[in-house]
């Protein structure tokens, strides 16, 4: 299990998706930027998929 905050619990399998959707850098990536810290992110592949699918679907609702 991956624990976030005091009361929120997310399973290890779902955590990468949760992390990517709530990462503060996703908005910048959707705007076409690639912040330096993204190069070292463990979930970069997942984030790339998320950004690509969000751009195909017409943008993010965040």
N, C-alpha and C. Protein backbone atom coordinates (compact mmCIF):
# COMPACT_ATOMS: atom_id res chain seq x y z
N UNK A 1 0.83 -1.19 0.00
CA UNK A 1 0.00 0.00 0.00
C UNK A 1 0.87 1.24 0.00
N UNK A 2 0.37 2.26 -0.63
CA UNK A 2 1.01 3.57 -0.59
C UNK A 2 0.09 4.49 0.19
N UNK A 3 0.58 5.12 1.22
CA UNK A 3 -0.23 5.99 2.06
C UNK A 3 0.04 7.44 1.71
N UNK A 4 -1.02 8.21 1.60
CA UNK A 4 -0.89 9.62 1.28
C UNK A 4 -1.70 10.40 2.30
N UNK A 5 -1.09 11.39 2.90
CA UNK A 5 -1.81 12.18 3.89
C UNK A 5 -2.10 11.36 5.13
N UNK A 6 -3.07 11.80 5.90
CA UNK A 6 -3.40 11.14 7.15
C UNK A 6 -4.42 10.03 6.98
N UNK A 7 -5.35 10.18 6.05
CA UNK A 7 -6.43 9.21 5.97
C UNK A 7 -6.62 8.59 4.58
N UNK A 8 -5.92 9.07 3.58
CA UNK A 8 -6.09 8.57 2.22
C UNK A 8 -5.12 7.42 1.97
N UNK A 9 -5.66 6.29 1.51
CA UNK A 9 -4.83 5.12 1.23
C UNK A 9 -5.03 4.73 -0.22
N UNK A 10 -3.92 4.53 -0.92
CA UNK A 10 -3.98 4.15 -2.32
C UNK A 10 -3.08 2.94 -2.52
N UNK A 11 -3.56 1.95 -3.26
CA UNK A 11 -2.77 0.75 -3.48
C UNK A 11 -1.57 1.06 -4.38
N UNK A 12 -0.54 0.23 -4.26
CA UNK A 12 0.68 0.43 -5.03
C UNK A 12 0.43 0.43 -6.53
N UNK A 13 -0.48 -0.41 -6.98
CA UNK A 13 -0.78 -0.50 -8.42
C UNK A 13 -1.41 0.79 -8.95
N UNK A 14 -2.24 1.43 -8.16
CA UNK A 14 -2.94 2.64 -8.59
C UNK A 14 -2.15 3.92 -8.33
N UNK A 15 -1.14 3.84 -7.49
CA UNK A 15 -0.42 5.04 -7.08
C UNK A 15 0.19 5.82 -8.24
N UNK A 16 0.86 5.18 -9.21
CA UNK A 16 1.43 5.98 -10.31
C UNK A 16 0.40 6.83 -11.03
N UNK A 17 -0.78 6.27 -11.30
CA UNK A 17 -1.84 7.05 -11.96
C UNK A 17 -2.29 8.21 -11.08
N UNK A 18 -2.46 7.95 -9.80
CA UNK A 18 -2.86 9.00 -8.86
C UNK A 18 -1.81 10.11 -8.83
N UNK A 19 -0.56 9.71 -8.73
CA UNK A 19 0.53 10.68 -8.65
C UNK A 19 0.57 11.56 -9.88
N UNK A 20 0.49 10.94 -11.05
CA UNK A 20 0.56 11.69 -12.30
C UNK A 20 -0.59 12.69 -12.39
N UNK A 21 -1.79 12.27 -12.07
CA UNK A 21 -2.96 13.15 -12.19
C UNK A 21 -2.91 14.32 -11.21
N UNK A 22 -2.17 14.17 -10.12
CA UNK A 22 -2.11 15.22 -9.10
C UNK A 22 -0.75 15.91 -9.03
N UNK A 23 0.13 15.59 -9.95
CA UNK A 23 1.46 16.22 -9.96
C UNK A 23 1.31 17.69 -10.35
N UNK A 24 1.97 18.59 -9.61
CA UNK A 24 1.86 20.02 -9.92
C UNK A 24 2.51 20.40 -11.26
N UNK A 25 3.34 19.53 -11.81
CA UNK A 25 4.01 19.85 -13.06
C UNK A 25 3.22 19.43 -14.30
N UNK A 26 2.14 18.69 -14.12
CA UNK A 26 1.35 18.22 -15.26
C UNK A 26 0.81 19.40 -16.07
N UNK A 27 0.34 20.44 -15.41
CA UNK A 27 -0.18 21.61 -16.15
C UNK A 27 0.89 22.21 -17.04
N UNK A 28 2.11 22.28 -16.54
CA UNK A 28 3.21 22.82 -17.35
C UNK A 28 3.49 21.90 -18.53
N UNK A 29 3.42 20.59 -18.30
CA UNK A 29 3.65 19.65 -19.39
C UNK A 29 2.55 19.76 -20.43
N UNK A 30 1.32 19.96 -20.00
CA UNK A 30 0.22 20.12 -20.94
C UNK A 30 0.36 21.40 -21.76
N UNK A 31 1.09 22.36 -21.20
CA UNK A 31 1.35 23.62 -21.91
C UNK A 31 2.56 23.52 -22.84
N UNK A 32 3.15 22.32 -22.92
CA UNK A 32 4.27 22.11 -23.84
C UNK A 32 5.65 22.21 -23.22
N UNK A 33 5.71 22.44 -21.92
CA UNK A 33 7.01 22.51 -21.24
C UNK A 33 7.44 21.13 -20.78
N UNK A 34 8.71 20.99 -20.48
CA UNK A 34 9.24 19.77 -19.85
C UNK A 34 10.20 20.23 -18.75
N UNK A 35 9.66 20.43 -17.55
CA UNK A 35 10.50 20.88 -16.44
C UNK A 35 11.67 19.91 -16.21
N UNK A 36 12.80 20.45 -15.82
CA UNK A 36 14.01 19.66 -15.60
C UNK A 36 13.77 18.48 -14.65
N UNK A 37 13.01 18.71 -13.59
CA UNK A 37 12.79 17.65 -12.61
C UNK A 37 12.02 16.46 -13.18
N UNK A 38 11.28 16.66 -14.27
CA UNK A 38 10.55 15.55 -14.90
C UNK A 38 11.50 14.50 -15.46
N UNK A 39 12.71 14.90 -15.80
CA UNK A 39 13.69 13.95 -16.33
C UNK A 39 14.07 12.88 -15.32
N UNK A 40 13.87 13.15 -14.04
CA UNK A 40 14.26 12.22 -12.98
C UNK A 40 13.07 11.54 -12.32
N UNK A 41 11.87 11.78 -12.82
CA UNK A 41 10.65 11.24 -12.22
C UNK A 41 10.51 9.75 -12.50
N UNK A 42 10.16 9.00 -11.47
CA UNK A 42 9.93 7.56 -11.62
C UNK A 42 8.72 7.26 -12.50
N UNK A 43 7.81 8.20 -12.60
CA UNK A 43 6.56 7.98 -13.31
C UNK A 43 6.51 8.73 -14.63
N UNK A 44 7.64 9.07 -15.18
CA UNK A 44 7.70 9.86 -16.42
C UNK A 44 6.96 9.16 -17.56
N UNK A 45 7.13 7.84 -17.70
CA UNK A 45 6.44 7.11 -18.76
C UNK A 45 4.94 7.22 -18.64
N UNK A 46 4.44 7.05 -17.43
CA UNK A 46 3.00 7.18 -17.17
C UNK A 46 2.54 8.60 -17.46
N UNK A 47 3.35 9.56 -17.08
CA UNK A 47 3.01 10.96 -17.29
C UNK A 47 2.98 11.27 -18.79
N UNK A 48 3.96 10.75 -19.53
CA UNK A 48 3.97 10.95 -20.98
C UNK A 48 2.68 10.43 -21.60
N UNK A 49 2.25 9.25 -21.17
CA UNK A 49 0.99 8.67 -21.68
C UNK A 49 -0.20 9.57 -21.33
N UNK A 50 -0.24 10.03 -20.09
CA UNK A 50 -1.34 10.87 -19.62
C UNK A 50 -1.40 12.19 -20.40
N UNK A 51 -0.24 12.81 -20.58
CA UNK A 51 -0.18 14.08 -21.30
C UNK A 51 -0.61 13.87 -22.75
N UNK A 52 -0.12 12.82 -23.36
CA UNK A 52 -0.46 12.54 -24.76
C UNK A 52 -1.97 12.30 -24.90
N UNK A 53 -2.56 11.50 -24.02
CA UNK A 53 -3.99 11.23 -24.11
C UNK A 53 -4.83 12.46 -23.79
N UNK A 54 -4.35 13.29 -22.87
CA UNK A 54 -5.08 14.52 -22.53
C UNK A 54 -5.08 15.50 -23.70
N UNK A 55 -3.96 15.60 -24.39
CA UNK A 55 -3.89 16.50 -25.53
C UNK A 55 -4.74 16.00 -26.68
N UNK A 56 -4.80 14.69 -26.86
CA UNK A 56 -5.64 14.11 -27.92
C UNK A 56 -7.12 14.35 -27.66
N UNK A 57 -7.50 14.29 -26.36
CA UNK A 57 -8.90 14.44 -26.01
C UNK A 57 -9.34 15.90 -25.91
N UNK A 58 -8.44 16.81 -26.22
CA UNK A 58 -8.83 18.22 -26.24
C UNK A 58 -8.41 19.02 -25.04
N UNK A 59 -7.53 18.48 -24.21
CA UNK A 59 -7.03 19.25 -23.09
C UNK A 59 -7.46 18.69 -21.77
N UNK A 60 -6.92 19.27 -20.72
CA UNK A 60 -7.18 18.83 -19.36
C UNK A 60 -8.31 19.63 -18.74
N UNK A 61 -8.99 19.02 -17.80
CA UNK A 61 -10.06 19.73 -17.07
C UNK A 61 -9.56 20.21 -15.73
N UNK A 62 -8.26 20.12 -15.48
CA UNK A 62 -7.72 20.55 -14.18
C UNK A 62 -7.48 22.02 -14.17
